[in-house]
Amino acid sequence: MLKAKVKNEKWKLTVPVPYFLLHFSVSCLTSPLVWEKLFDAGARPGLPAVSRKQARKAFKNLIKELKHCKGTVLLEVQAKDGTGVRIKL
């Protein structure tokens, strides 16, 4: 489970994101309809050509490997006003 924590002087917010939600978002992003809208071949000539199936497989493998790295902090940011964001596996 991915945990996103936002901390301020006045309040704290923790948002747990289960792995099935990550799998669902990968399925949505690599669906044919969304893939065509995001990566139209004529719109972005500088991007490398990656097929939809290759991207889906890569994202699924990434999520699979992230499950083995529990406790790893992916992002930790602290602002000058005391607001902090932390994303942890």
C-alpha atoms as a PDB file:
ATOM      1  CA  MET A   1       0.000   0.000   0.000  1.00  0.00           C
ATOM      2  CA  LEU A   2       1.247   3.427  -0.964  1.00  0.00           C
ATOM      3  CA  LYS A   3       0.780   6.075   1.755  1.00  0.00           C
ATOM      4  CA  ALA A   4       0.731   9.786   0.987  1.00  0.00           C
ATOM      5  CA  LYS A   5       0.979  12.108   3.986  1.00  0.00           C
ATOM      6  CA  VAL A   6       0.461  15.855   3.873  1.00  0.00           C
ATOM      7  CA  LYS A   7       1.337  17.733   7.057  1.00  0.00           C
ATOM      8  CA  ASN A   8       0.720  21.371   7.898  1.00  0.00           C
ATOM      9  CA  GLU A   9       0.918  23.385  11.119  1.00  0.00           C
ATOM     10  CA  LYS A  10      -2.859  23.103  11.562  1.00  0.00           C
ATOM     11  CA  TRP A  11      -3.755  19.696  10.100  1.00  0.00           C
ATOM     12  CA  LYS A  12      -2.492  16.313   8.927  1.00  0.00           C
ATOM     13  CA  LEU A  13      -3.849  14.224   6.071  1.00  0.00           C
ATOM     14  CA  THR A  14      -2.974  10.623   5.262  1.00  0.00           C
ATOM     15  CA  VAL A  15      -4.201   9.036   2.030  1.00  0.00           C
ATOM     16  CA  PRO A  16      -3.645   5.282   1.650  1.00  0.00           C
ATOM     17  CA  VAL A  17      -3.537   4.076  -1.967  1.00  0.00           C
ATOM     18  CA  PRO A  18      -3.927   0.297  -2.361  1.00  0.00           C
ATOM     19  CA  TYR A  19      -2.045  -1.523  -5.106  1.00  0.00           C
ATOM     20  CA  PHE A  20      -5.247  -2.535  -6.896  1.00  0.00           C
ATOM     21  CA  LEU A  21      -5.932   1.173  -7.453  1.00  0.00           C
ATOM     22  CA  LEU A  22      -2.483   1.531  -9.034  1.00  0.00           C
ATOM     23  CA  HIS A  23      -3.221  -1.455 -11.294  1.00  0.00           C
ATOM     24  CA  PHE A  24      -6.569   0.075 -12.229  1.00  0.00           C
ATOM     25  CA  SER A  25      -4.973   3.420 -13.098  1.00  0.00           C
ATOM     26  CA  VAL A  26      -2.386   1.670 -15.299  1.00  0.00           C
ATOM     27  CA  SER A  27      -5.185  -0.158 -17.094  1.00  0.00           C
ATOM     28  CA  CYS A  28      -7.019   3.114 -17.674  1.00  0.00           C
ATOM     29  CA  LEU A  29      -3.921   4.988 -18.875  1.00  0.00           C
ATOM     30  CA  THR A  30      -2.952   2.238 -21.292  1.00  0.00           C
ATOM     31  CA  SER A  31      -6.433   1.726 -22.686  1.00  0.00           C
ATOM     32  CA  PRO A  32      -6.613   2.315 -26.449  1.00  0.00           C
ATOM     33  CA  LEU A  33      -8.806   5.419 -26.129  1.00  0.00           C
ATOM     34  CA  VAL A  34      -6.622   7.227 -23.593  1.00  0.00           C
ATOM     35  CA  TRP A  35      -3.372   6.062 -25.206  1.00  0.00           C
ATOM     36  CA  GLU A  36      -4.369   7.570 -28.556  1.00  0.00           C
ATOM     37  CA  LYS A  37      -5.301  10.881 -26.922  1.00  0.00           C
ATOM     38  CA  LEU A  38      -2.087  11.099 -24.868  1.00  0.00           C
ATOM     39  CA  PHE A  39       0.417   9.900 -27.431  1.00  0.00           C
ATOM     40  CA  ASP A  40      -0.782  10.940 -30.837  1.00  0.00           C
ATOM     41  CA  ALA A  41       2.066  10.156 -33.269  1.00  0.00           C
ATOM     42  CA  GLY A  42       1.831  13.474 -35.117  1.00  0.00           C
ATOM     43  CA  ALA A  43       1.529  15.678 -32.033  1.00  0.00           C
ATOM     44  CA  ARG A  44       4.788  14.761 -30.283  1.00  0.00           C
ATOM     45  CA  PRO A  45       7.559  13.746 -32.663  1.00  0.00           C
ATOM     46  CA  GLY A  46      10.311  13.951 -30.007  1.00  0.00           C
ATOM     47  CA  LEU A  47       8.986  11.129 -27.845  1.00  0.00           C
ATOM     48  CA  PRO A  48      10.287   7.607 -28.392  1.00  0.00           C
ATOM     49  CA  ALA A  49       7.821   5.207 -29.957  1.00  0.00           C
ATOM     50  CA  VAL A  50       6.587   2.906 -27.202  1.00  0.00           C
ATOM     51  CA  SER A  51       3.673   0.646 -27.847  1.00  0.00           C
ATOM     52  CA  ARG A  52       0.707   0.508 -25.538  1.00  0.00           C
ATOM     53  CA  LYS A  53       1.382  -3.157 -24.675  1.00  0.00           C
ATOM     54  CA  GLN A  54       5.030  -2.456 -23.826  1.00  0.00           C
ATOM     55  CA  ALA A  55       4.041   0.417 -21.561  1.00  0.00           C
ATOM     56  CA  ARG A  56       1.388  -1.659 -19.792  1.00  0.00           C
ATOM     57  CA  LYS A  57       3.856  -4.483 -19.197  1.00  0.00           C
ATOM     58  CA  ALA A  58       6.502  -2.063 -17.888  1.00  0.00           C
ATOM     59  CA  PHE A  59       4.067  -0.387 -15.465  1.00  0.00           C
ATOM     60  CA  LYS A  60       2.793  -3.758 -14.206  1.00  0.00           C
ATOM     61  CA  ASN A  61       6.369  -4.940 -13.608  1.00  0.00           C
ATOM     62  CA  LEU A  62       7.166  -1.682 -11.804  1.00  0.00           C
ATOM     63  CA  ILE A  63       4.206  -2.106  -9.448  1.00  0.00           C
ATOM     64  CA  LYS A  64       5.166  -5.747  -8.873  1.00  0.00           C
ATOM     65  CA  GLU A  65       8.687  -4.719  -7.857  1.00  0.00           C
ATOM     66  CA  LEU A  66       7.436  -1.868  -5.662  1.00  0.00           C
ATOM     67  CA  LYS A  67       5.555  -4.437  -3.573  1.00  0.00           C
ATOM     68  CA  HIS A  68       8.926  -5.908  -2.548  1.00  0.00           C
ATOM     69  CA  CYS A  69      10.285  -2.545  -1.309  1.00  0.00           C
ATOM     70  CA  LYS A  70       7.929  -1.829   1.581  1.00  0.00           C
ATOM     71  CA  GLY A  71       8.953   1.054   3.814  1.00  0.00           C
ATOM     72  CA  THR A  72      10.843   2.924   1.089  1.00  0.00           C
ATOM     73  CA  VAL A  73      10.251   6.665   0.973  1.00  0.00           C
ATOM     74  CA  LEU A  74       9.601   7.730  -2.619  1.00  0.00           C
ATOM     75  CA  LEU A  75       9.168  11.453  -2.004  1.00  0.00           C
ATOM     76  CA  GLU A  76       9.780  13.724   0.968  1.00  0.00           C
ATOM     77  CA  VAL A  77       9.406  17.478   0.517  1.00  0.00           C
ATOM     78  CA  GLN A  78       9.377  20.190   3.169  1.00  0.00           C
ATOM     79  CA  ALA A  79       8.353  23.764   2.354  1.00  0.00           C
ATOM     80  CA  LYS A  80       9.602  26.863   4.167  1.00  0.00           C
ATOM     81  CA  ASP A  81       6.196  27.449   5.773  1.00  0.00           C
ATOM     82  CA  GLY A  82       6.267  23.998   7.417  1.00  0.00           C
ATOM     83  CA  THR A  83       4.076  22.147   4.956  1.00  0.00           C
ATOM     84  CA  GLY A  84       5.423  18.699   4.168  1.00  0.00           C
ATOM     85  CA  VAL A  85       4.550  15.905   1.774  1.00  0.00           C
ATOM     86  CA  ARG A  86       5.773  12.339   2.177  1.00  0.00           C
ATOM     87  CA  ILE A  87       5.013   9.361  -0.062  1.00  0.00           C
ATOM     88  CA  LYS A  88       6.011   6.008   1.342  1.00  0.00           C
ATOM     89  CA  LEU A  89       5.524   2.410   0.242  1.00  0.00           C
END
